Amino acid sequence: AVTVDAFPVGIDCAHFQSLLATRELKDKVIELQRRFDGKKIVLGIDRMDYIKGIPHKLLAIDKFLSAHPSWAGKIQLVQIATPIMRGDTARYVKLRNKVHKLVGQINGRFSTLAHAPIHYLDQPISPCDVAALCFLADVMMITSLREGMNANAFEYVACQQRNRGVLILSEFAGSAQTLGSGAILVNPFNTDAMALALYEALHMPEADREERHHNMNEYVQRFTLQYWSDDFSTELMTQEDADHELLSLELPEPLPRSELLDSFAKSSRRLILLGLLGTLINYSDFKEMHPLSDKLWGDLLTLASDPGNCVVVITGRERGLVSQWLGDLPVWVVAENGVFVRLGGPSTEWACPLEPVEPNNDWKASIKPVLKYFEERTPGSITESQEHTLTWHYRDSDEDFGEIQASDLQLHLKEVLGNQPVEVFLDSKMVQLRPYGVSKGAALEAVLEACTLGPRDLASVPSTRRERTDDTTARLERESNTSSLHELSEDLATAAAAAEAPPLCRGEGGYPPPLRAVLQARLCWLLPSWWAFGSSGDEADDAAATLEAFTLLAALLDAAAD
């Protein structure tokens, strides 16, 4: 079997730390400080190659100086253009001549007798000189048109022990995905935007520079070259294990229906968790706003009317839409992935389990145009605007193109959002933005507490409980869905024991293999007297899960009648 994974390479941070401590480098730093005294240093270290975007960088500098001529005497672009090793082919001779021409034009327009804004070297320099320039530079510009991993970005961050300089990084470089939280991401084809990014970098407050550098340095120092080596070696050795979870092609075992029905019949209190989209309603009916079928609605009414059952519908849709679908069914509802919770029937008031007041929506105005842009350029995609969340669906789009667009959308959103209190989630066939701390896992804790202690005002929950909910939210959102359900199962088991429900046989290693298979398939979760349905996110799996759900609902009704 073959597995495919991503192993982003890092740099040897220890090497640069030891290099910064040498006398040779300290002398070089002093020399460069005297040479560029009083100037803001903008650094560029690139190979003379078309993919590096050196002409685009120079055009951005030209536009910056044209818009802000007072900076001509205060800025120093140090551009190192390392010659290629492919020989002087006509194509690269043309590129070099173009770069030389641009450098001459800019220096000719903005130079004085004492200063030229561009210090250009058409030759390689020593590692010591590179480290010294990275140590001193206030800004580094990497404007690659298309590139895998750019080690210069990591070296700049590792050497910035004093200035906390700003990294302007092309969004088309591979390192943009790892350093994007601290760098200013730019499109190198948009030279006007790069000029604005340079202005922003030169005027950035110290606190912002400190925060951005901290985010990047934390990644660089953690994911080093040694980490990459260990990670790759560990994964390679793991492939020898025949039981490795990624290599398992076995289908999950069928749902143990007889055990489920037996547990249902013997229990006096039951918690039934149902998804909405993909479980009770398929995607096409969701888009057309078709109501629930009469049979399904009647089955849900029968289950929810049983005083021993607590039926909870969990969804990412907004509460108004959910109320329209469910009507007057006496079910509990978790709406917008946990922003709102209704712990009772239709007459019960909605509550927000996170804060005493509802989240702020000021961020939505700047995000809607971005989602509209991708919706127009991705056939089959739609944007769903809810009270406090925004969701971009691409389930009906071409699968490969939709994934590419979703990945690009994530990068754009990180740039637009900045420090807004919003998280971006790439879920199954959709990209969702929602307030920090919101998750179905956190909302389920409120549901469990209401089931065991009785419904009450969520704002009255002690602060220690709410803090634990926030921690659990962060943990559940960042783990896989299977792991999240496993964590939740412990709470469910505890709640079931507290309710003195009849236990179901459980082996030494946890639940028996059939139940673990059901868990991994995400079709059903079976615990002592508690069970729930979930959605896998895949259309084929969802169809099977929905069919299984409907079949079991009918079987449970028969069992309850008996």
Protein backbone atom coordinates (compact mmCIF):
# COMPACT_ATOMS: atom_id res chain seq x y z
CA ALA A 1 0.00 0.00 0.00
CA VAL A 2 1.07 3.59 -0.64
CA THR A 3 0.27 6.63 1.50
CA VAL A 4 0.62 10.26 0.50
CA ASP A 5 1.24 13.02 3.03
CA ALA A 6 2.74 16.51 3.24
CA PHE A 7 6.09 17.06 4.96
CA PRO A 8 6.99 20.77 4.79
CA VAL A 9 10.73 21.16 5.22
CA GLY A 10 12.25 23.61 7.73
CA ILE A 11 15.71 25.07 8.35
CA ASP A 12 18.49 24.37 10.83
CA CYS A 13 17.69 27.09 13.38
CA ALA A 14 20.57 26.06 15.63
CA HIS A 15 23.02 26.78 12.82
CA PHE A 16 21.77 30.35 12.42
CA GLN A 17 21.73 30.96 16.16
CA SER A 18 25.37 29.89 16.40
CA LEU A 19 26.24 31.96 13.31
CA LEU A 20 24.69 35.07 14.86
CA ALA A 21 26.97 34.65 17.88
CA THR A 22 30.23 34.61 15.86
CA ARG A 23 32.67 37.53 15.82
CA GLU A 24 32.73 37.52 12.00
CA LEU A 25 29.01 38.16 11.78
CA LYS A 26 29.02 40.82 14.47
CA ASP A 27 31.75 42.69 12.59
CA LYS A 28 29.75 42.40 9.38
CA VAL A 29 26.64 43.77 11.12
CA ILE A 30 28.60 46.79 12.37
CA GLU A 31 29.97 47.38 8.87
CA LEU A 32 26.51 47.27 7.28
CA GLN A 33 25.04 49.51 9.96
CA ARG A 34 27.61 52.17 9.10
CA ARG A 35 27.00 51.66 5.38
CA PHE A 36 23.19 52.01 5.60
CA ASP A 37 22.96 54.31 8.62
CA GLY A 38 19.60 56.06 8.90
CA LYS A 39 18.01 53.99 6.13
CA LYS A 40 15.17 51.49 6.25
CA ILE A 41 16.58 48.30 4.72
CA VAL A 42 14.33 46.29 2.39
CA LEU A 43 15.95 42.97 1.55
CA GLY A 44 15.53 40.73 -1.46
CA ILE A 45 17.56 37.55 -1.98
CA ASP A 46 16.54 35.64 -5.10
CA ARG A 47 17.89 33.43 -7.83
CA MET A 48 17.87 35.10 -11.26
CA ASP A 49 14.90 33.09 -12.43
CA TYR A 50 11.55 33.90 -13.99
CA ILE A 51 9.57 32.33 -11.14
CA LYS A 52 11.20 34.64 -8.57
CA GLY A 53 9.34 37.75 -9.73
CA ILE A 54 12.29 40.17 -9.43
CA PRO A 55 10.90 42.55 -12.11
CA HIS A 56 7.56 42.63 -10.28
CA LYS A 57 9.34 43.58 -7.06
CA LEU A 58 11.21 46.40 -8.80
CA LEU A 59 8.01 47.72 -10.38
CA ALA A 60 6.40 47.76 -6.93
CA ILE A 61 9.37 49.74 -5.57
CA ASP A 62 9.03 52.19 -8.46
CA LYS A 63 5.33 52.71 -7.72
CA PHE A 64 6.02 53.10 -4.00
CA LEU A 65 8.65 55.77 -4.57
CA SER A 66 6.46 57.51 -7.15
CA ALA A 67 3.60 57.68 -4.64
CA HIS A 68 5.89 58.60 -1.71
CA PRO A 69 8.93 60.46 -3.11
CA SER A 70 9.99 61.55 0.39
CA TRP A 71 11.01 57.94 1.04
CA ALA A 72 13.58 57.98 -1.79
CA GLY A 73 16.32 59.08 0.58
CA LYS A 74 15.17 56.97 3.52
CA ILE A 75 14.80 53.51 1.99
CA GLN A 76 17.46 51.09 0.76
CA LEU A 77 16.49 48.04 -1.28
CA VAL A 78 19.33 45.52 -1.10
CA GLN A 79 18.62 43.10 -3.93
CA ILE A 80 20.85 40.04 -4.30
CA ALA A 81 20.31 38.25 -7.63
CA THR A 82 22.20 34.97 -7.62
CA PRO A 83 23.11 33.84 -11.17
CA ILE A 84 21.50 30.63 -12.34
CA MET A 85 23.53 27.49 -12.99
CA ARG A 86 21.94 26.74 -16.36
CA GLY A 87 24.21 28.84 -18.51
CA ASP A 88 23.49 32.13 -20.25
CA THR A 89 20.56 31.03 -22.37
CA ALA A 90 18.82 33.67 -24.42
CA ARG A 91 15.79 33.61 -22.14
CA TYR A 92 17.74 34.31 -18.97
CA VAL A 93 19.95 36.89 -20.65
CA LYS A 94 16.74 38.71 -21.57
CA LEU A 95 15.51 38.50 -17.96
CA ARG A 96 18.80 39.80 -16.57
CA ASN A 97 18.83 42.69 -19.04
CA LYS A 98 15.26 43.58 -18.06
CA VAL A 99 16.19 43.62 -14.35
CA HIS A 100 19.29 45.73 -15.00
CA LYS A 101 17.21 48.18 -17.03
CA LEU A 102 14.62 48.54 -14.25
CA VAL A 103 17.31 49.06 -11.59
CA GLY A 104 18.92 51.75 -13.75
CA GLN A 105 15.64 53.52 -14.39
CA ILE A 106 14.63 53.61 -10.72
CA ASN A 107 18.05 54.71 -9.49
CA GLY A 108 18.22 57.28 -12.29
CA ARG A 109 14.91 58.83 -11.21
CA PHE A 110 15.25 58.76 -7.43
CA SER A 111 19.00 58.81 -6.66
CA THR A 112 21.00 61.73 -5.28
CA LEU A 113 24.75 62.30 -5.22
CA ALA A 114 24.84 60.69 -1.78
CA HIS A 115 22.31 57.87 -2.10
CA ALA A 116 20.74 55.39 -4.53
CA PRO A 117 17.55 53.67 -3.39
CA ILE A 118 18.54 50.27 -4.89
CA HIS A 119 21.75 48.48 -3.99
CA TYR A 120 21.90 45.66 -6.55
CA LEU A 121 24.33 42.74 -6.65
CA ASP A 122 24.37 40.33 -9.57
CA GLN A 123 26.44 37.75 -7.71
CA PRO A 124 26.16 35.28 -4.81
CA ILE A 125 27.21 36.34 -1.30
CA SER A 126 28.54 34.39 1.67
CA PRO A 127 26.25 32.80 4.32
CA CYS A 128 27.66 35.26 6.84
CA ASP A 129 26.63 38.22 4.67
CA VAL A 130 23.16 36.70 4.19
CA ALA A 131 22.69 36.27 7.95
CA ALA A 132 23.91 39.82 8.64
CA LEU A 133 21.48 41.30 6.11
CA CYS A 134 18.62 39.20 7.50
CA PHE A 135 19.53 40.39 11.00
CA LEU A 136 19.44 44.09 10.00
CA ALA A 137 16.67 44.26 7.39
CA ASP A 138 13.46 46.04 8.40
CA VAL A 139 11.49 44.37 5.60
CA MET A 140 12.06 41.34 3.41
CA MET A 141 10.21 41.03 0.10
CA ILE A 142 9.67 37.61 -1.50
CA THR A 143 7.65 37.99 -4.69
CA SER A 144 7.76 34.53 -6.24
CA LEU A 145 5.29 33.96 -9.06
CA ARG A 146 5.12 30.25 -8.27
CA GLU A 147 7.36 28.36 -5.88
CA GLY A 148 7.37 25.37 -3.57
CA MET A 149 9.23 26.21 -0.36
CA ASN A 150 11.30 29.37 0.01
CA ALA A 151 13.94 28.87 2.71
CA ASN A 152 14.91 32.58 2.64
CA ALA A 153 11.67 33.43 4.43
CA PHE A 154 12.52 31.03 7.28
CA GLU A 155 16.10 32.28 7.48
CA TYR A 156 14.90 35.87 7.73
CA VAL A 157 12.55 35.03 10.60
CA ALA A 158 15.25 33.02 12.40
CA CYS A 159 17.75 35.90 12.17
CA GLN A 160 15.32 38.63 13.27
CA GLN A 161 16.35 38.58 16.92
CA ARG A 162 16.21 42.35 17.40
CA ASN A 163 14.26 44.36 14.81
CA ARG A 164 11.20 42.14 14.52
CA GLY A 165 11.16 42.97 10.82
CA VAL A 166 8.15 42.49 8.53
CA LEU A 167 7.98 39.75 5.90
CA ILE A 168 6.16 40.56 2.65
CA LEU A 169 5.48 37.16 1.12
CA SER A 170 3.97 36.07 -2.17
CA GLU A 171 0.79 34.09 -1.72
CA PHE A 172 2.05 31.78 -4.46
CA ALA A 173 5.03 30.61 -2.40
CA GLY A 174 4.66 27.36 -0.47
CA SER A 175 5.80 29.05 2.74
CA ALA A 176 2.72 31.30 2.60
CA GLN A 177 0.69 28.43 4.04
CA THR A 178 2.99 28.11 7.04
CA LEU A 179 4.03 31.73 7.65
CA GLY A 180 0.81 33.39 6.51
CA SER A 181 -0.25 34.15 10.09
CA GLY A 182 2.59 36.64 10.46
CA ALA A 183 3.59 37.70 6.95
CA ILE A 184 1.86 40.26 4.75
CA LEU A 185 0.64 38.11 1.87
CA VAL A 186 0.61 39.72 -1.57
CA ASN A 187 -0.18 38.84 -5.16
CA PRO A 188 3.06 39.63 -7.04
CA PHE A 189 1.14 40.32 -10.24
CA ASN A 190 -0.60 43.22 -8.46
CA THR A 191 2.28 45.69 -8.14
CA ASP A 192 -0.03 48.40 -6.74
CA ALA A 193 -0.99 46.12 -3.86
CA MET A 194 2.68 45.29 -3.24
CA ALA A 195 3.49 49.00 -3.05
CA LEU A 196 0.74 49.43 -0.47
CA ALA A 197 2.05 46.39 1.44
CA LEU A 198 5.52 47.97 1.57
CA TYR A 199 4.03 51.20 2.92
CA GLU A 200 2.15 49.19 5.54
CA ALA A 201 5.30 47.31 6.53
CA LEU A 202 7.36 50.47 6.92
CA HIS A 203 4.68 52.12 9.09
CA MET A 204 3.64 49.06 11.10
CA PRO A 205 3.49 49.68 14.89
CA GLU A 206 5.99 47.84 17.04
CA ALA A 207 3.30 45.83 18.82
CA ASP A 208 1.98 44.49 15.50
CA ARG A 209 5.48 43.64 14.32
CA GLU A 210 6.13 41.82 17.57
CA GLU A 211 2.93 39.78 17.29
CA ARG A 212 3.54 38.86 13.64
CA HIS A 213 7.13 37.86 14.32
CA HIS A 214 6.07 35.77 17.30
CA ASN A 215 3.60 33.81 15.15
CA MET A 216 6.19 33.12 12.45
CA ASN A 217 9.09 32.45 14.80
CA GLU A 218 7.04 29.95 16.78
CA TYR A 219 6.51 27.90 13.63
CA VAL A 220 10.11 28.23 12.38
CA GLN A 221 11.60 27.22 15.73
CA ARG A 222 9.27 24.25 16.11
CA PHE A 223 9.21 22.79 12.61
CA THR A 224 12.92 22.66 11.99
CA LEU A 225 14.96 20.57 9.61
CA GLN A 226 15.46 18.04 12.41
CA TYR A 227 11.71 17.87 13.02
CA TRP A 228 11.13 17.26 9.32
CA SER A 229 13.67 14.45 9.33
CA ASP A 230 12.18 12.81 12.42
CA ASP A 231 8.62 13.19 11.17
CA PHE A 232 9.39 11.71 7.77
CA SER A 233 11.42 8.84 9.25
CA THR A 234 8.70 8.02 11.77
CA GLU A 235 6.03 7.96 9.09
CA LEU A 236 8.22 5.81 6.86
CA MET A 237 8.81 3.29 9.64
CA THR A 238 5.12 3.28 10.52
CA GLN A 239 4.28 1.92 7.07
CA GLU A 240 5.77 -1.40 8.15
CA ASP A 241 2.95 -1.83 10.65
CA ALA A 242 0.27 -3.86 8.94
CA ASP A 243 -2.32 -2.52 11.36
CA HIS A 244 -1.61 1.14 10.60
CA GLU A 245 -4.93 2.98 10.59
CA LEU A 246 -4.24 4.77 7.30
CA LEU A 247 -3.65 1.46 5.51
CA SER A 248 -6.78 -0.27 6.74
CA LEU A 249 -9.16 -0.94 3.85
CA GLU A 250 -11.68 -2.94 5.83
CA LEU A 251 -15.30 -1.85 5.66
CA PRO A 252 -17.01 -1.12 8.97
CA GLU A 253 -19.11 -3.92 10.35
CA PRO A 254 -22.89 -3.61 10.16
CA LEU A 255 -24.69 -1.70 12.87
CA PRO A 256 -25.53 -4.03 15.80
CA ARG A 257 -29.23 -3.34 15.47
CA SER A 258 -30.43 -5.99 17.91
CA GLU A 259 -28.20 -4.61 20.69
CA LEU A 260 -29.37 -1.10 19.93
CA LEU A 261 -33.05 -2.03 20.04
CA ASP A 262 -32.54 -4.03 23.23
CA SER A 263 -30.78 -1.10 24.88
CA PHE A 264 -33.50 1.27 23.69
CA ALA A 265 -36.28 -0.90 25.09
CA LYS A 266 -34.64 -1.32 28.51
CA SER A 267 -33.73 2.35 28.99
CA SER A 268 -35.97 4.78 30.79
CA ARG A 269 -34.12 7.89 29.52
CA ARG A 270 -32.68 8.25 26.01
CA LEU A 271 -30.76 11.01 24.23
CA ILE A 272 -31.16 10.99 20.43
CA LEU A 273 -28.89 13.32 18.44
CA LEU A 274 -29.81 13.91 14.79
CA GLY A 275 -28.03 15.95 12.14
CA LEU A 276 -30.16 18.01 9.78
CA LEU A 277 -28.37 18.46 6.45
CA GLY A 278 -27.28 15.05 5.17
CA THR A 279 -29.31 13.13 7.76
CA LEU A 280 -32.89 14.41 7.87
CA ILE A 281 -32.63 16.55 4.72
CA ASN A 282 -30.46 15.88 1.67
CA TYR A 283 -28.52 18.65 -0.03
CA SER A 284 -30.84 19.07 -3.02
CA ASP A 285 -33.90 19.46 -0.78
CA PHE A 286 -31.93 21.95 1.32
CA LYS A 287 -31.24 24.15 -1.71
CA GLU A 288 -34.86 23.97 -2.87
CA MET A 289 -36.18 24.54 0.66
CA HIS A 290 -38.35 21.40 0.51
CA PRO A 291 -40.05 20.52 3.82
CA LEU A 292 -39.60 17.26 5.71
CA SER A 293 -41.63 14.37 4.37
CA ASP A 294 -44.89 13.67 6.22
CA LYS A 295 -43.71 10.21 7.27
CA LEU A 296 -40.40 11.45 8.67
CA TRP A 297 -42.14 14.33 10.42
CA GLY A 298 -44.61 11.90 12.01
CA ASP A 299 -41.84 9.55 13.14
CA LEU A 300 -39.94 12.42 14.75
CA LEU A 301 -43.11 13.61 16.47
CA THR A 302 -43.73 10.14 17.91
CA LEU A 303 -40.17 9.84 19.21
CA ALA A 304 -40.07 13.36 20.63
CA SER A 305 -43.48 12.97 22.32
CA ASP A 306 -42.20 10.05 24.41
CA PRO A 307 -41.30 11.56 27.83
CA GLY A 308 -38.38 9.11 28.05
CA ASN A 309 -36.77 10.51 24.89
CA CYS A 310 -34.84 13.70 24.40
CA VAL A 311 -34.51 14.36 20.64
CA VAL A 312 -31.93 16.97 19.66
CA VAL A 313 -31.42 18.25 16.10
CA ILE A 314 -27.89 19.61 15.59
CA THR A 315 -27.22 21.75 12.52
CA GLY A 316 -25.17 24.54 11.06
CA ARG A 317 -28.24 26.27 9.66
CA GLU A 318 -29.68 29.41 11.26
CA ARG A 319 -32.45 29.13 13.82
CA GLY A 320 -35.14 30.75 11.66
CA LEU A 321 -34.54 28.24 8.88
CA VAL A 322 -34.47 25.33 11.32
CA SER A 323 -37.74 26.46 12.89
CA GLN A 324 -39.30 26.59 9.42
CA TRP A 325 -38.25 23.00 8.69
CA LEU A 326 -39.08 21.50 12.07
CA GLY A 327 -42.26 23.48 12.66
CA ASP A 328 -43.87 22.70 16.03
CA LEU A 329 -41.99 19.45 16.63
CA PRO A 330 -41.18 19.22 20.38
CA VAL A 331 -37.44 18.74 19.77
CA TRP A 332 -34.38 20.49 21.14
CA VAL A 333 -32.24 22.33 18.59
CA VAL A 334 -28.58 23.37 18.27
CA ALA A 335 -28.42 25.96 15.46
CA GLU A 336 -25.51 27.59 13.60
CA ASN A 337 -23.08 24.95 14.91
CA GLY A 338 -23.68 26.02 18.50
CA VAL A 339 -24.24 29.79 18.31
CA PHE A 340 -27.82 29.24 19.49
CA VAL A 341 -29.36 26.46 21.57
CA ARG A 342 -33.03 25.77 22.27
CA LEU A 343 -33.37 23.33 25.16
CA GLY A 344 -37.05 22.66 24.75
CA GLY A 345 -39.92 22.76 22.29
CA PRO A 346 -40.95 25.62 19.95
CA SER A 347 -42.17 27.80 22.83
CA THR A 348 -38.74 27.70 24.54
CA GLU A 349 -36.55 30.78 24.11
CA TRP A 350 -33.25 30.52 22.27
CA ALA A 351 -30.01 31.00 24.23
CA CYS A 352 -26.37 31.56 23.31
CA PRO A 353 -24.12 29.25 25.37
CA LEU A 354 -20.92 31.27 24.82
CA GLU A 355 -21.61 34.81 25.99
CA PRO A 356 -24.32 36.78 27.78
CA VAL A 357 -24.70 38.84 24.57
CA GLU A 358 -24.75 37.69 20.98
CA PRO A 359 -21.50 37.78 18.95
CA ASN A 360 -20.61 40.88 16.91
CA ASN A 361 -21.31 40.80 13.16
CA ASP A 362 -19.14 43.73 12.00
CA TRP A 363 -16.75 41.35 10.21
CA LYS A 364 -19.38 40.07 7.77
CA ALA A 365 -19.45 43.20 5.61
CA SER A 366 -15.83 42.74 4.51
CA ILE A 367 -16.20 38.98 3.91
CA LYS A 368 -19.36 38.83 1.80
CA PRO A 369 -17.69 40.37 -1.30
CA VAL A 370 -14.91 37.76 -1.06
CA LEU A 371 -17.40 34.88 -0.93
CA LYS A 372 -19.38 36.46 -3.77
CA TYR A 373 -16.19 36.65 -5.85
CA PHE A 374 -15.52 32.92 -5.42
CA GLU A 375 -19.18 32.04 -5.92
CA GLU A 376 -19.19 33.79 -9.31
CA ARG A 377 -16.01 31.99 -10.38
CA THR A 378 -16.95 28.51 -9.12
CA PRO A 379 -19.93 27.07 -11.02
CA GLY A 380 -22.32 25.22 -8.74
CA SER A 381 -21.25 26.95 -5.54
CA ILE A 382 -23.56 28.99 -3.30
CA THR A 383 -23.09 31.28 -0.31
CA GLU A 384 -25.28 30.84 2.75
CA SER A 385 -25.60 33.88 5.01
CA GLN A 386 -26.78 33.16 8.54
CA GLU A 387 -27.24 35.35 11.61
CA HIS A 388 -23.66 35.02 12.87
CA THR A 389 -21.95 32.73 10.35
CA LEU A 390 -21.20 32.64 6.64
CA THR A 391 -20.88 29.39 4.66
CA TRP A 392 -19.64 28.84 1.12
CA HIS A 393 -20.91 25.51 -0.28
CA TYR A 394 -19.22 23.88 -3.28
CA ARG A 395 -20.81 20.41 -3.13
CA ASP A 396 -22.29 20.77 -6.65
CA SER A 397 -19.06 22.11 -8.16
CA ASP A 398 -16.41 20.12 -9.98
CA GLU A 399 -14.67 18.16 -7.22
CA ASP A 400 -11.05 19.00 -8.10
CA PHE A 401 -11.70 22.62 -9.02
CA GLY A 402 -13.86 23.10 -5.93
CA GLU A 403 -11.04 21.89 -3.67
CA ILE A 404 -8.58 24.28 -5.34
CA GLN A 405 -10.99 27.20 -4.97
CA ALA A 406 -11.69 26.33 -1.32
CA SER A 407 -7.95 26.31 -0.57
CA ASP A 408 -7.45 29.68 -2.28
CA LEU A 409 -10.49 31.08 -0.46
CA GLN A 410 -8.95 30.13 2.89
CA LEU A 411 -5.79 32.10 2.07
CA HIS A 412 -7.81 35.16 1.01
CA LEU A 413 -9.96 35.02 4.14
CA LYS A 414 -6.94 34.91 6.45
CA GLU A 415 -5.65 38.07 4.77
CA VAL A 416 -8.98 39.91 4.90
CA LEU A 417 -9.99 38.90 8.43
CA GLY A 418 -6.82 40.05 10.17
CA ASN A 419 -7.48 40.09 13.92
CA GLN A 420 -11.26 39.74 13.68
CA PRO A 421 -12.73 37.32 16.30
CA VAL A 422 -13.67 34.80 13.61
CA GLU A 423 -12.45 31.30 12.73
CA VAL A 424 -12.33 29.75 9.27
CA PHE A 425 -13.18 26.05 8.92
CA LEU A 426 -12.79 23.92 5.82
CA ASP A 427 -15.41 21.22 6.30
CA SER A 428 -16.85 18.65 3.91
CA LYS A 429 -17.59 20.52 0.65
CA MET A 430 -17.87 23.88 2.38
CA VAL A 431 -15.87 26.74 3.91
CA GLN A 432 -17.44 28.28 7.00
CA LEU A 433 -16.69 31.39 9.03
CA ARG A 434 -18.04 31.59 12.55
CA PRO A 435 -17.25 33.39 15.83
CA TYR A 436 -14.40 32.09 17.98
CA GLY A 437 -15.38 29.41 20.46
CA VAL A 438 -18.45 28.22 18.56
CA SER A 439 -18.77 24.47 17.97
CA LYS A 440 -21.27 21.66 18.13
CA GLY A 441 -19.11 19.99 20.77
CA ALA A 442 -19.40 22.94 23.13
CA ALA A 443 -23.16 23.15 22.55
CA LEU A 444 -23.55 19.44 23.31
CA GLU A 445 -22.09 20.03 26.76
CA ALA A 446 -24.99 22.38 27.42
CA VAL A 447 -27.37 19.72 26.12
CA LEU A 448 -25.85 17.05 28.39
CA GLU A 449 -26.02 19.32 31.40
CA ALA A 450 -29.65 20.13 30.67
CA CYS A 451 -30.42 16.40 30.29
CA THR A 452 -28.84 15.49 33.62
CA LEU A 453 -29.62 18.61 35.69
CA GLY A 454 -32.63 20.00 33.87
CA PRO A 455 -32.88 23.04 31.54
CA ARG A 456 -31.79 26.36 32.94
CA ASP A 457 -30.41 29.71 31.85
CA LEU A 458 -27.06 29.11 30.17
CA ALA A 459 -25.72 32.39 31.50
CA SER A 460 -26.15 31.04 35.03
CA VAL A 461 -23.70 28.19 34.45
CA PRO A 462 -20.68 28.76 36.76
CA SER A 463 -17.67 30.42 35.12
CA THR A 464 -15.47 27.37 35.71
CA ARG A 465 -17.90 25.29 33.71
CA ARG A 466 -17.93 27.83 30.87
CA GLU A 467 -14.14 28.07 30.82
CA ARG A 468 -13.95 24.30 30.53
CA THR A 469 -16.44 24.52 27.69
CA ASP A 470 -14.18 27.00 25.87
CA ASP A 471 -11.20 24.70 26.31
CA THR A 472 -13.22 21.73 25.14
CA THR A 473 -14.41 23.75 22.13
CA ALA A 474 -10.88 24.50 21.01
CA ARG A 475 -9.86 20.87 21.50
CA LEU A 476 -12.87 19.41 19.71
CA GLU A 477 -12.56 21.74 16.74
CA ARG A 478 -8.93 20.90 16.12
CA GLU A 479 -9.13 17.14 16.38
CA SER A 480 -10.65 14.80 13.84
CA ASN A 481 -14.38 14.18 14.03
CA THR A 482 -13.80 10.64 15.25
CA SER A 483 -11.52 11.84 18.04
CA SER A 484 -14.02 14.54 18.96
CA LEU A 485 -16.80 11.98 19.29
CA HIS A 486 -14.52 9.76 21.35
CA GLU A 487 -13.93 12.60 23.83
CA LEU A 488 -17.63 13.31 23.91
CA SER A 489 -18.41 9.65 24.57
CA GLU A 490 -16.78 9.82 27.99
CA ASP A 491 -19.16 12.62 28.99
CA LEU A 492 -22.09 10.68 27.57
CA ALA A 493 -21.09 7.55 29.45
CA THR A 494 -20.78 9.54 32.68
CA ALA A 495 -24.17 11.14 32.12
CA ALA A 496 -25.73 7.75 31.44
CA ALA A 497 -24.24 6.29 34.62
CA ALA A 498 -25.55 9.26 36.61
CA ALA A 499 -29.00 8.57 35.22
CA GLU A 500 -28.67 4.95 36.39
CA ALA A 501 -29.51 3.68 32.90
CA PRO A 502 -29.11 -0.09 32.26
CA PRO A 503 -25.51 -0.61 31.10
CA LEU A 504 -24.59 -2.32 27.85
CA CYS A 505 -21.85 -4.93 27.91
CA ARG A 506 -18.44 -3.42 27.31
CA GLY A 507 -15.13 -5.26 26.85
CA GLU A 508 -11.76 -4.56 28.49
CA GLY A 509 -10.41 -2.52 25.58
CA GLY A 510 -13.42 -0.25 25.38
CA TYR A 511 -16.50 -0.90 23.27
CA PRO A 512 -16.58 -4.15 21.29
CA PRO A 513 -15.14 -4.11 17.73
CA PRO A 514 -18.50 -3.74 15.96
CA LEU A 515 -19.22 -0.58 17.90
CA ARG A 516 -15.73 0.83 17.21
CA ALA A 517 -16.32 0.20 13.50
CA VAL A 518 -19.61 2.05 13.71
CA LEU A 519 -17.83 4.93 15.44
CA GLN A 520 -15.17 5.16 12.73
CA ALA A 521 -17.77 5.13 9.98
CA ARG A 522 -19.63 7.97 11.78
CA LEU A 523 -22.96 6.36 10.98
CA CYS A 524 -24.09 5.86 14.54
CA TRP A 525 -22.85 6.22 18.09
CA LEU A 526 -24.01 3.64 20.62
CA LEU A 527 -23.44 4.04 24.35
CA PRO A 528 -25.19 2.72 27.48
CA SER A 529 -28.81 3.75 26.83
CA TRP A 530 -27.70 6.75 24.71
CA TRP A 531 -27.42 6.80 20.92
CA ALA A 532 -27.03 9.36 18.16
CA PHE A 533 -26.82 9.71 14.41
CA GLY A 534 -24.26 11.83 12.54
CA SER A 535 -23.38 12.84 8.99
CA SER A 536 -20.19 11.71 7.24
CA GLY A 537 -20.05 14.68 4.87
CA ASP A 538 -19.81 12.48 1.77
CA GLU A 539 -22.94 12.24 -0.38
CA ALA A 540 -22.79 8.45 -0.80
CA ASP A 541 -22.07 7.89 2.89
CA ASP A 542 -24.75 10.40 3.86
CA ALA A 543 -27.31 8.60 1.71
CA ALA A 544 -26.47 5.30 3.39
CA ALA A 545 -26.52 6.92 6.82
CA THR A 546 -29.85 8.59 6.12
CA LEU A 547 -31.39 5.32 4.94
CA GLU A 548 -30.03 3.59 8.02
CA ALA A 549 -31.42 6.38 10.19
CA PHE A 550 -34.90 6.15 8.72
CA THR A 551 -34.91 2.36 9.06
CA LEU A 552 -33.84 2.54 12.68
CA LEU A 553 -36.39 5.22 13.48
CA ALA A 554 -39.12 2.89 12.28
CA ALA A 555 -37.61 -0.03 14.22
CA LEU A 556 -37.37 2.06 17.39
CA LEU A 557 -40.99 3.09 17.04
CA ASP A 558 -41.96 -0.58 16.79
CA ALA A 559 -39.83 -1.39 19.85
CA ALA A 560 -41.40 1.45 21.82
CA ALA A 561 -44.87 0.24 20.87
CA ASP A 562 -44.02 -3.28 22.07
